[in-house]
Amino acid sequence: MSDKAFFIMGNKHAKSCGEPPFYDNGIGDCYYGYYENEHGEQWVFLHDWVSGKTELRGGDCAWGTVYNITENAIYLDGKRVAPLTALTETLWLISCQNALKLRKEAKRGS
């Protein structure tokens, strides 16, 4: 397997949105999802296999804001929220959750 990066994405948000997170799939054991809409708004989905935590971050909501995700809802500071407003964003999140569920099942079976 090559250690050469094949996907690098730059931040398209203004400085006022904060410093974007840096992700490296060579560190830790995580599942990643990336979304960008027609306006350049970016979202990152991350599931950490070790901690079992799933998070969502987006530039428009300030990169430093971490939304915690369960199978049924998105939370910020313990309160249920709905940061994704477009249908395409919601469909992407559902896709990430479905892929994560299938990966969990595959990991259990191996």
Protein backbone atom coordinates (compact mmCIF):
# COMPACT_ATOMS: atom_id res chain seq x y z
CA MET A 1 0.00 0.00 0.00
CA SER A 2 1.29 3.46 -0.90
CA ASP A 3 1.50 6.19 1.75
CA LYS A 4 1.02 8.87 -0.91
CA ALA A 5 -1.89 11.23 -0.21
CA PHE A 6 -4.65 11.06 -2.81
CA PHE A 7 -7.14 13.60 -1.47
CA ILE A 8 -6.24 17.01 -0.09
CA MET A 9 -8.90 19.67 0.35
CA GLY A 10 -8.26 23.32 1.10
CA ASN A 11 -10.45 25.56 3.23
CA LYS A 12 -12.88 27.67 1.18
CA HIS A 13 -14.26 29.67 4.10
CA ALA A 14 -13.38 33.16 5.31
CA LYS A 15 -10.92 33.65 8.16
CA SER A 16 -13.87 34.64 10.37
CA CYS A 17 -15.00 30.98 10.26
CA GLY A 18 -11.90 30.02 12.22
CA GLU A 19 -9.06 27.62 11.59
CA PRO A 20 -10.23 24.45 9.89
CA PRO A 21 -9.40 21.13 11.53
CA PHE A 22 -6.56 19.06 10.10
CA TYR A 23 -7.30 15.41 9.47
CA ASP A 24 -4.76 12.71 8.62
CA ASN A 25 -6.09 9.22 8.10
CA GLY A 26 -2.64 7.85 8.87
CA ILE A 27 -3.12 8.84 12.51
CA GLY A 28 -5.64 6.88 14.57
CA ASP A 29 -8.42 4.65 13.35
CA CYS A 30 -11.24 6.78 11.94
CA TYR A 31 -13.90 6.88 9.26
CA TYR A 32 -14.06 10.17 7.31
CA GLY A 33 -16.69 11.79 5.13
CA TYR A 34 -16.38 15.07 3.20
CA TYR A 35 -19.08 17.21 1.61
CA GLU A 36 -19.00 20.45 -0.36
CA ASN A 37 -22.05 22.06 -1.90
CA GLU A 38 -22.42 24.33 -4.92
CA HIS A 39 -21.65 27.40 -2.77
CA GLY A 40 -18.37 25.98 -1.49
CA GLU A 41 -19.75 25.28 2.00
CA GLN A 42 -17.78 22.40 3.48
CA TRP A 43 -18.63 19.71 6.05
CA VAL A 44 -16.49 16.95 7.56
CA PHE A 45 -17.87 13.80 9.21
CA LEU A 46 -15.54 11.84 11.47
CA HIS A 47 -16.06 8.64 13.43
CA ASP A 48 -13.32 7.51 15.81
CA TRP A 49 -13.37 3.71 16.09
CA VAL A 50 -11.45 3.73 19.38
CA SER A 51 -13.61 6.23 21.29
CA GLY A 52 -16.82 5.38 19.43
CA LYS A 53 -17.55 9.10 19.03
CA THR A 54 -18.87 10.65 15.83
CA GLU A 55 -18.56 14.35 15.08
CA LEU A 56 -19.53 16.83 12.40
CA ARG A 57 -17.79 20.12 11.60
CA GLY A 58 -18.59 22.80 9.06
CA GLY A 59 -16.98 26.05 8.05
CA ASP A 60 -20.17 28.12 8.04
CA CYS A 61 -20.83 27.14 11.66
CA ALA A 62 -17.23 27.99 12.64
CA TRP A 63 -14.73 25.17 12.18
CA GLY A 64 -14.08 24.94 15.92
CA THR A 65 -17.70 24.01 16.65
CA VAL A 66 -18.00 20.26 17.12
CA TYR A 67 -21.41 18.65 16.66
CA ASN A 68 -21.75 15.24 18.28
CA ILE A 69 -23.72 12.71 16.29
CA THR A 70 -25.73 9.71 17.43
CA GLU A 71 -27.69 7.38 15.17
CA ASN A 72 -30.78 9.55 15.57
CA ALA A 73 -29.72 13.15 16.21
CA ILE A 74 -27.05 15.86 16.14
CA TYR A 75 -26.09 17.60 19.39
CA LEU A 76 -24.21 20.75 20.34
CA ASP A 77 -23.40 21.24 24.03
CA GLY A 78 -25.89 18.50 24.92
CA LYS A 79 -28.78 20.11 23.02
CA ARG A 80 -30.35 18.60 19.92
CA VAL A 81 -29.72 20.86 16.90
CA ALA A 82 -30.19 20.88 13.11
CA PRO A 83 -27.13 22.53 11.52
CA LEU A 84 -27.76 20.96 8.11
CA THR A 85 -30.46 22.91 6.33
CA ALA A 86 -30.24 21.73 2.72
CA LEU A 87 -31.63 18.42 1.51
CA THR A 88 -28.32 17.56 -0.18
CA GLU A 89 -26.45 18.05 3.11
CA THR A 90 -28.92 15.81 4.93
CA LEU A 91 -28.66 13.12 2.26
CA TRP A 92 -24.85 13.24 2.54
CA LEU A 93 -25.05 12.81 6.31
CA ILE A 94 -27.41 9.86 5.92
CA SER A 95 -24.96 8.35 3.43
CA CYS A 96 -22.09 8.74 5.92
CA GLN A 97 -24.15 7.14 8.68
CA ASN A 98 -25.15 4.23 6.45
CA ALA A 99 -21.55 3.65 5.34
CA LEU A 100 -20.47 3.78 8.99
CA LYS A 101 -23.12 1.24 9.96
CA LEU A 102 -21.95 -1.14 7.21
CA ARG A 103 -18.31 -0.71 8.25
CA LYS A 104 -19.24 -1.48 11.87
CA GLU A 105 -20.99 -4.66 10.75
CA ALA A 106 -18.01 -5.64 8.60
CA LYS A 107 -15.59 -5.03 11.50
CA ARG A 108 -17.71 -7.23 13.78
CA GLY A 109 -17.71 -9.99 11.19
CA SER A 110 -13.94 -10.03 10.69
